[in-house]
N, C-alpha and C. Protein backbone atom coordinates (compact mmCIF):
# COMPACT_ATOMS: atom_id res chain seq x y z
N MET A 1 0.67 -1.33 0.07
CA MET A 1 0.28 0.35 -0.10
C MET A 1 1.22 1.25 0.11
N PHE A 2 0.13 2.54 -0.63
CA PHE A 2 1.16 3.38 -1.01
C PHE A 2 0.25 4.49 -0.39
N VAL A 3 0.79 5.22 -0.08
CA VAL A 3 -0.05 6.75 0.28
C VAL A 3 0.46 7.90 -0.99
N VAL A 4 -0.26 8.44 -1.22
CA VAL A 4 0.16 9.47 -2.04
C VAL A 4 -0.87 10.40 -2.45
N GLN A 5 -0.53 11.69 -2.69
CA GLN A 5 -1.44 12.73 -3.20
C GLN A 5 -2.55 12.49 -3.84
N ARG A 6 -3.39 13.31 -3.74
CA ARG A 6 -4.74 13.15 -4.20
C ARG A 6 -4.59 13.47 -5.94
N SER A 7 -3.85 14.65 -6.21
CA SER A 7 -3.35 14.95 -7.61
C SER A 7 -2.74 13.30 -8.28
N ILE A 8 -1.98 13.03 -8.13
CA ILE A 8 -1.25 11.51 -8.01
C ILE A 8 -2.20 10.89 -8.53
N LEU A 9 -3.26 10.43 -7.32
CA LEU A 9 -4.23 9.46 -7.87
C LEU A 9 -5.13 9.59 -8.73
N THR A 10 -5.51 10.61 -8.82
CA THR A 10 -6.41 11.31 -9.76
C THR A 10 -6.10 11.03 -11.90
N ASP A 11 -4.51 11.11 -11.49
CA ASP A 11 -3.90 10.97 -12.96
C ASP A 11 -3.96 9.64 -13.06
N PHE A 12 -3.83 8.52 -11.86
CA PHE A 12 -3.51 7.09 -12.44
C PHE A 12 -5.20 6.55 -12.57
N GLN A 13 -6.59 7.38 -11.98
CA GLN A 13 -7.50 6.82 -12.35
C GLN A 13 -8.03 7.29 -13.63
N ALA A 14 -7.58 8.45 -14.14
CA ALA A 14 -7.86 8.68 -15.81
C ALA A 14 -7.07 8.34 -16.81
N ALA A 15 -6.24 7.36 -16.06
CA ALA A 15 -5.08 6.79 -17.09
C ALA A 15 -5.33 6.08 -18.49
N ALA A 16 -6.94 5.41 -18.42
CA ALA A 16 -7.66 5.18 -19.58
C ALA A 16 -8.12 5.89 -20.73
N THR A 17 -8.02 6.89 -20.23
CA THR A 17 -8.51 8.36 -21.19
C THR A 17 -7.19 9.11 -21.48
N SER A 18 -6.49 9.41 -20.65
CA SER A 18 -5.30 9.83 -21.08
C SER A 18 -4.52 9.36 -20.82
N LEU A 19 -3.97 8.34 -20.92
CA LEU A 19 -2.88 7.98 -21.55
C LEU A 19 -2.85 7.12 -23.22
N VAL A 20 -3.64 7.94 -24.02
CA VAL A 20 -3.93 7.30 -25.12
C VAL A 20 -3.37 7.57 -25.78
N GLU A 21 -2.60 6.86 -27.01
CA GLU A 21 -2.12 7.50 -28.55
C GLU A 21 -2.49 8.42 -28.95
N ARG A 22 -2.45 10.29 -28.84
CA ARG A 22 -3.42 10.93 -29.74
C ARG A 22 -3.03 11.36 -31.09
N HIS A 23 -2.05 10.22 -31.38
CA HIS A 23 -1.32 10.62 -33.42
C HIS A 23 -1.98 9.25 -33.94
N LEU A 24 -2.77 9.75 -34.58
CA LEU A 24 -3.58 8.78 -35.45
C LEU A 24 -1.95 8.28 -37.13
N HIS A 25 -1.81 9.26 -37.67
CA HIS A 25 -0.43 9.23 -38.10
C HIS A 25 0.89 9.33 -37.54
N GLY A 26 1.29 8.37 -38.61
CA GLY A 26 2.73 8.14 -38.09
C GLY A 26 3.90 9.34 -38.68
N PHE A 27 3.12 10.43 -39.56
CA PHE A 27 3.82 11.91 -40.00
C PHE A 27 3.05 12.73 -39.95
N ARG A 28 3.83 14.10 -39.80
CA ARG A 28 3.07 15.07 -39.71
C ARG A 28 2.64 15.86 -40.85
N LEU A 29 1.39 16.17 -41.31
CA LEU A 29 1.06 16.98 -42.38
C LEU A 29 2.05 17.75 -42.87
N GLU A 30 3.08 18.85 -42.17
CA GLU A 30 4.56 19.42 -43.07
C GLU A 30 5.35 18.74 -43.60
N ASP A 31 5.34 17.46 -43.26
CA ASP A 31 6.36 16.35 -43.89
C ASP A 31 5.97 16.30 -45.28
N ALA A 32 4.97 16.52 -46.09
CA ALA A 32 4.02 16.00 -47.00
C ALA A 32 4.12 17.09 -48.01
N ASP A 33 4.22 16.38 -49.34
CA ASP A 33 4.33 17.47 -49.98
C ASP A 33 3.44 17.67 -51.11
N ARG A 34 2.47 16.58 -51.07
CA ARG A 34 1.76 15.87 -52.21
C ARG A 34 0.26 15.38 -51.59
N VAL A 35 -0.43 15.34 -51.55
CA VAL A 35 -1.53 14.22 -51.05
C VAL A 35 -2.20 14.13 -52.09
N SER A 36 -2.76 13.11 -52.29
CA SER A 36 -3.74 12.30 -53.51
C SER A 36 -5.10 11.89 -52.71
N MET A 37 -6.19 12.68 -52.96
CA MET A 37 -7.47 12.52 -53.00
C MET A 37 -8.24 11.49 -54.05
N THR A 38 -8.64 10.62 -53.44
CA THR A 38 -9.53 9.32 -54.06
C THR A 38 -11.00 9.12 -53.88
N ALA A 39 -12.07 9.39 -54.44
CA ALA A 39 -13.28 9.41 -54.24
C ALA A 39 -14.15 8.64 -55.21
N GLY A 40 -14.77 7.31 -55.23
CA GLY A 40 -14.82 6.11 -56.35
C GLY A 40 -14.14 6.83 -57.63
N SER A 41 -14.69 7.00 -58.73
CA SER A 41 -13.47 6.96 -59.73
C SER A 41 -12.58 8.56 -60.16
N ALA A 42 -13.20 9.84 -59.35
CA ALA A 42 -12.25 10.59 -59.38
C ALA A 42 -11.19 10.47 -58.44
N LYS A 43 -10.53 11.49 -58.61
CA LYS A 43 -8.92 11.63 -58.39
C LYS A 43 -8.22 12.79 -58.53
N LYS A 44 -8.03 13.43 -57.37
CA LYS A 44 -7.36 14.94 -57.39
C LYS A 44 -6.30 14.60 -56.70
N GLU A 45 -4.90 15.63 -57.31
CA GLU A 45 -3.80 15.68 -56.61
C GLU A 45 -3.62 16.68 -56.23
N PHE A 46 -3.21 17.01 -55.03
CA PHE A 46 -2.91 18.37 -54.49
C PHE A 46 -1.57 18.70 -54.26
N ARG A 47 -1.19 19.86 -53.74
CA ARG A 47 0.05 20.39 -53.51
C ARG A 47 0.10 20.66 -52.10
N VAL A 48 1.07 20.33 -51.19
CA VAL A 48 0.78 20.52 -49.77
C VAL A 48 2.61 21.17 -49.21
N ALA A 49 2.33 22.36 -48.98
CA ALA A 49 3.26 23.49 -48.40
C ALA A 49 3.32 23.98 -47.22
N ARG A 50 4.26 24.22 -46.14
CA ARG A 50 4.11 25.18 -45.22
C ARG A 50 3.54 26.32 -45.72
N SER A 51 2.19 26.97 -44.79
CA SER A 51 1.93 28.43 -45.03
C SER A 51 2.80 29.32 -44.64
N ALA A 52 2.83 30.67 -45.91
CA ALA A 52 4.13 32.02 -45.34
C ALA A 52 3.81 32.18 -44.17
N GLY A 53 2.70 32.37 -43.37
CA GLY A 53 2.96 32.65 -41.91
C GLY A 53 3.36 31.86 -41.00
N GLY A 54 3.79 30.62 -41.57
CA GLY A 54 4.51 29.59 -40.52
C GLY A 54 3.75 28.84 -40.20
N HIS A 55 1.88 28.81 -39.76
CA HIS A 55 1.26 28.17 -39.17
C HIS A 55 0.36 27.30 -40.22
N GLY A 56 0.66 25.91 -40.02
CA GLY A 56 0.11 24.91 -40.54
C GLY A 56 0.39 24.92 -42.35
N VAL A 57 -0.16 24.15 -42.80
CA VAL A 57 -0.46 24.17 -44.15
C VAL A 57 -0.89 25.00 -45.48
N GLU A 58 -0.63 24.93 -46.47
CA GLU A 58 -1.61 25.38 -47.37
C GLU A 58 -1.48 24.33 -48.42
N ILE A 59 -2.65 24.25 -49.10
CA ILE A 59 -3.17 23.04 -50.10
C ILE A 59 -3.41 23.75 -51.37
N ALA A 60 -3.10 23.15 -52.48
CA ALA A 60 -3.46 23.72 -53.59
C ALA A 60 -3.60 22.88 -54.47
N SER A 61 -4.19 23.00 -56.03
CA SER A 61 -4.15 21.79 -56.89
C SER A 61 -3.04 21.71 -57.45
N THR A 62 -2.53 20.74 -57.88
CA THR A 62 -1.87 20.75 -58.53
C THR A 62 -1.49 21.37 -60.24
N GLY A 63 -2.86 22.19 -60.44
CA GLY A 63 -3.13 22.69 -62.09
C GLY A 63 -2.21 23.74 -61.68
N ALA A 64 -2.52 24.38 -60.35
CA ALA A 64 -2.27 26.18 -59.84
C ALA A 64 -1.81 26.02 -58.79
N PRO A 65 -0.44 25.72 -58.71
CA PRO A 65 0.34 25.32 -57.47
C PRO A 65 0.53 26.74 -56.55
N ASP A 66 0.32 27.70 -57.18
CA ASP A 66 0.62 28.72 -56.62
C ASP A 66 -0.49 29.76 -55.60
N LYS A 67 -1.50 28.81 -56.27
CA LYS A 67 -2.88 29.36 -55.82
C LYS A 67 -3.32 28.87 -54.83
N PRO A 68 -3.23 28.95 -52.98
CA PRO A 68 -3.78 27.93 -52.34
C PRO A 68 -5.38 27.73 -52.15
N ASP A 69 -5.77 26.54 -52.13
CA ASP A 69 -7.53 26.32 -52.21
C ASP A 69 -8.09 26.20 -50.49
N PRO A 70 -8.54 27.73 -50.18
CA PRO A 70 -8.84 27.45 -48.95
C PRO A 70 -9.81 26.20 -48.70
N SER A 71 -10.82 25.91 -49.49
CA SER A 71 -12.06 24.95 -49.11
C SER A 71 -11.23 23.58 -49.06
N ALA A 72 -10.07 23.61 -49.81
CA ALA A 72 -9.84 21.81 -49.69
C ALA A 72 -9.02 22.00 -48.61
N ARG A 73 -8.31 23.07 -47.90
CA ARG A 73 -7.45 22.53 -46.93
C ARG A 73 -8.51 22.60 -45.48
N THR A 74 -9.77 23.42 -45.52
CA THR A 74 -10.67 23.32 -44.54
C THR A 74 -11.06 21.61 -44.30
N TRP A 75 -11.34 21.47 -45.74
CA TRP A 75 -11.67 20.23 -45.78
C TRP A 75 -10.86 19.45 -45.57
N HIS A 76 -10.02 18.96 -46.28
CA HIS A 76 -8.54 17.89 -45.28
C HIS A 76 -7.93 18.15 -44.04
N GLU A 77 -8.39 19.49 -43.45
CA GLU A 77 -8.14 19.53 -42.09
C GLU A 77 -8.99 18.68 -41.06
N ARG A 78 -10.42 18.90 -41.69
CA ARG A 78 -11.55 17.33 -40.84
C ARG A 78 -10.83 16.49 -40.91
N ALA A 79 -10.61 15.88 -42.52
CA ALA A 79 -10.66 14.55 -42.43
C ALA A 79 -9.44 13.99 -41.96
N PHE A 80 -8.04 15.16 -42.08
CA PHE A 80 -6.85 14.38 -41.53
C PHE A 80 -7.34 13.90 -39.70
N ALA A 81 -8.03 15.25 -39.18
CA ALA A 81 -8.23 14.55 -37.81
C ALA A 81 -9.27 14.03 -37.05
N LEU A 82 -10.25 13.60 -37.88
CA LEU A 82 -11.04 12.59 -37.96
C LEU A 82 -10.35 10.90 -36.77
N TRP A 83 -10.57 10.61 -36.60
CA TRP A 83 -10.25 9.33 -35.41
C TRP A 83 -11.35 8.14 -35.85
N PRO A 84 -10.58 6.96 -35.78
CA PRO A 84 -11.96 6.21 -35.91
C PRO A 84 -12.52 5.62 -35.30
N SER A 85 -13.75 4.97 -35.36
CA SER A 85 -14.80 4.12 -34.37
C SER A 85 -14.33 2.90 -34.41
N GLU A 86 -13.77 2.32 -34.97
CA GLU A 86 -13.13 0.72 -34.96
C GLU A 86 -11.49 0.75 -35.39
N SER A 87 -10.68 0.05 -34.80
CA SER A 87 -9.65 -0.33 -34.85
C SER A 87 -9.58 -2.09 -35.13
N LEU A 88 -8.99 -2.18 -36.46
CA LEU A 88 -8.80 -3.73 -36.81
C LEU A 88 -7.91 -4.26 -36.86
N GLY A 89 -7.24 -5.32 -36.95
CA GLY A 89 -6.09 -5.85 -36.86
C GLY A 89 -5.79 -6.49 -38.54
N LYS A 90 -4.89 -6.77 -38.97
CA LYS A 90 -4.69 -7.26 -40.12
C LYS A 90 -5.49 -8.07 -40.67
N GLY A 91 -6.63 -8.19 -41.64
CA GLY A 91 -7.10 -9.46 -42.09
C GLY A 91 -8.84 -9.36 -41.34
N GLU A 92 -8.78 -8.54 -39.98
CA GLU A 92 -9.90 -8.58 -39.42
C GLU A 92 -11.02 -7.80 -40.48
N THR A 93 -12.25 -8.00 -40.09
CA THR A 93 -13.77 -7.20 -41.17
C THR A 93 -14.25 -6.95 -39.48
N PRO A 94 -15.12 -5.66 -40.11
CA PRO A 94 -16.27 -5.38 -38.83
C PRO A 94 -17.36 -6.21 -38.54
N ALA A 95 -17.65 -6.12 -37.18
CA ALA A 95 -19.20 -7.76 -37.55
C ALA A 95 -20.18 -6.82 -38.50
N GLU A 96 -19.84 -5.83 -38.40
CA GLU A 96 -21.28 -5.21 -39.72
C GLU A 96 -20.82 -5.80 -41.08
N GLY A 97 -19.79 -6.31 -41.32
CA GLY A 97 -19.09 -6.86 -42.99
C GLY A 97 -18.41 -5.79 -43.43
N GLU A 98 -17.79 -6.03 -44.44
CA GLU A 98 -16.52 -5.54 -44.84
C GLU A 98 -17.26 -3.91 -45.29
N PRO A 99 -15.99 -3.06 -44.79
CA PRO A 99 -16.73 -1.56 -45.26
C PRO A 99 -16.32 -1.49 -46.49
N GLN A 100 -17.11 -0.18 -46.89
CA GLN A 100 -17.18 0.05 -48.38
C GLN A 100 -16.47 1.74 -48.54
N THR A 101 -15.14 1.65 -49.00
CA THR A 101 -14.11 2.75 -49.08
C THR A 101 -14.88 3.65 -49.60
N ARG A 102 -14.88 5.16 -49.50
CA ARG A 102 -15.82 6.01 -50.03
C ARG A 102 -14.26 6.98 -50.34
N LEU A 103 -13.45 7.40 -49.33
CA LEU A 103 -12.34 8.03 -49.63
C LEU A 103 -10.82 7.78 -49.03
N ARG A 104 -10.43 7.69 -50.31
CA ARG A 104 -8.46 7.58 -49.60
C ARG A 104 -7.65 8.94 -49.76
N LEU A 105 -7.08 9.02 -48.93
CA LEU A 105 -6.17 10.00 -49.22
C LEU A 105 -4.61 9.69 -49.02
N ASP A 106 -3.67 9.88 -49.72
CA ASP A 106 -2.40 9.22 -50.32
C ASP A 106 -1.61 10.16 -49.87
N TYR A 107 0.01 10.23 -48.99
CA TYR A 107 0.48 11.41 -48.72
C TYR A 107 1.97 10.66 -49.21
N PHE A 108 2.57 11.85 -49.46
CA PHE A 108 3.76 11.74 -50.29
C PHE A 108 4.72 12.82 -49.87
N ALA A 109 5.94 12.25 -50.02
CA ALA A 109 7.15 13.72 -49.57
C ALA A 109 8.18 13.28 -50.61
N ARG A 110 8.47 13.95 -51.53
CA ARG A 110 9.87 13.84 -52.33
C ARG A 110 9.47 12.63 -53.00
N GLY A 111 8.09 12.09 -53.43
CA GLY A 111 7.68 10.71 -54.60
C GLY A 111 8.20 9.47 -53.72
N ARG A 112 8.42 9.34 -52.17
CA ARG A 112 8.06 8.43 -51.28
C ARG A 112 6.50 8.55 -50.37
N SER A 113 5.78 7.54 -50.55
CA SER A 113 4.86 7.55 -49.75
C SER A 113 5.12 7.62 -48.47
N LEU A 114 4.11 8.68 -47.48
CA LEU A 114 4.38 8.65 -46.21
C LEU A 114 3.19 7.63 -45.23
N GLY A 115 1.87 7.78 -45.92
CA GLY A 115 1.06 6.77 -45.26
C GLY A 115 -0.35 6.77 -46.06
N TRP A 116 -1.44 6.74 -45.68
CA TRP A 116 -3.04 6.56 -46.24
C TRP A 116 -3.98 6.60 -45.24
N LEU A 117 -5.19 7.48 -45.17
CA LEU A 117 -6.16 7.33 -44.73
C LEU A 117 -7.12 7.12 -45.72
N ILE A 118 -7.80 6.18 -44.82
CA ILE A 118 -9.24 5.54 -45.73
C ILE A 118 -10.09 5.44 -44.65
N ILE A 119 -11.46 6.77 -45.60
CA ILE A 119 -12.81 6.76 -44.73
C ILE A 119 -13.71 5.69 -45.91
N ALA A 120 -14.24 4.94 -44.54
CA ALA A 120 -14.87 3.90 -45.28
C ALA A 120 -16.03 3.98 -44.65
N GLU A 121 -17.34 3.36 -44.76
CA GLU A 121 -18.87 3.43 -44.65
C GLU A 121 -19.10 1.89 -44.48
N SER A 122 -19.84 1.33 -43.37
CA SER A 122 -20.18 0.05 -42.88
C SER A 122 -21.47 -0.13 -44.03
N PRO A 123 -21.20 -1.26 -44.38
CA PRO A 123 -22.43 -1.86 -45.16
C PRO A 123 -23.88 -1.68 -44.56
N THR A 124 -24.26 -1.91 -43.05
CA THR A 124 -25.69 -1.60 -42.70
C THR A 124 -25.78 0.37 -42.59
N PRO A 125 -27.35 0.29 -42.73
CA PRO A 125 -27.45 1.98 -42.69
C PRO A 125 -27.03 2.39 -41.61
N PRO A 126 -25.77 3.39 -41.92
CA PRO A 126 -25.74 4.30 -40.67
C PRO A 126 -26.27 4.99 -40.18
N GLU A 127 -26.40 5.00 -39.00
CA GLU A 127 -27.21 6.38 -38.20
C GLU A 127 -26.42 8.05 -38.35
N GLN A 128 -25.44 7.82 -37.45
CA GLN A 128 -24.33 8.86 -37.60
C GLN A 128 -23.12 9.04 -38.20
N SER A 129 -22.94 8.46 -39.15
CA SER A 129 -21.85 8.38 -39.97
C SER A 129 -21.03 9.40 -40.71
N VAL A 130 -20.26 9.75 -39.66
CA VAL A 130 -19.34 11.22 -40.24
C VAL A 130 -18.39 10.88 -41.79
N SER A 131 -18.03 9.58 -41.97
CA SER A 131 -17.01 9.41 -43.12
C SER A 131 -18.15 9.42 -44.25
N SER A 132 -19.47 8.52 -44.23
CA SER A 132 -20.07 9.16 -45.48
C SER A 132 -20.15 10.35 -45.70
N ALA A 133 -20.69 11.08 -44.75
CA ALA A 133 -21.04 12.47 -45.28
C ALA A 133 -20.04 13.64 -45.90
N ASN A 134 -18.85 13.19 -45.24
CA ASN A 134 -17.48 13.81 -45.56
C ASN A 134 -17.05 13.21 -46.90
N GLY A 135 -17.31 11.48 -47.25
CA GLY A 135 -17.36 11.25 -48.60
C GLY A 135 -17.99 11.69 -49.58
N HIS A 136 -19.15 12.21 -49.50
CA HIS A 136 -20.04 13.16 -50.36
C HIS A 136 -19.25 14.43 -50.82
N VAL A 137 -19.18 14.76 -49.59
CA VAL A 137 -18.21 16.02 -49.77
C VAL A 137 -17.26 16.36 -50.54
N GLN A 138 -16.49 15.90 -50.58
CA GLN A 138 -15.14 15.47 -51.02
C GLN A 138 -15.36 14.66 -52.80
N GLU A 139 -16.49 14.14 -53.11
CA GLU A 139 -16.48 13.62 -54.36
C GLU A 139 -16.83 15.48 -54.51
N ASP A 140 -17.68 15.92 -54.30
CA ASP A 140 -18.70 17.54 -54.76
C ASP A 140 -17.26 18.18 -55.07
N LEU A 141 -16.30 17.90 -54.23
CA LEU A 141 -14.69 18.66 -54.53
C LEU A 141 -13.79 18.59 -55.21
N LEU A 142 -14.19 17.32 -55.30
CA LEU A 142 -13.27 16.60 -56.50
C LEU A 142 -13.81 17.09 -57.72
N ARG A 143 -15.20 16.85 -57.98
CA ARG A 143 -15.41 17.44 -59.53
C ARG A 143 -15.73 18.86 -59.71
N ALA A 144 -15.71 19.78 -58.51
CA ALA A 144 -15.92 20.98 -58.82
C ALA A 144 -14.82 21.61 -59.18
N LYS A 145 -13.50 20.80 -58.90
CA LYS A 145 -11.94 21.35 -59.34
C LYS A 145 -11.41 20.96 -60.89
């Protein structure tokens, strides 16, 4: 038995939520120089560069690399910050069945793959599927540009 201050005890009691890994990606967005967004058959490439003010990044279409696209940046920040609702091991599938990919983001730095993010939808009708709503927004973004 140990006698400790209440503040230390509180930290240990909250360890299940406070000691969780906070980073989904093994890289920082600032490390990437290109992101490829694929939704269905539509695919769009974007250039990623540090913003002039040094806070965050600017995202621009590869067709107009000197003209940052604020809507693409805002949408991407939301997608990049998503947290998975279920984590699976290799070869595992969710209890609801095989998920359907709605959006895939591939990140590159100097031609080398840094990683990817797949937003998928459960085959059962979702009540509050954030990923499917974002997938539709991305399809609109890819068609509009």
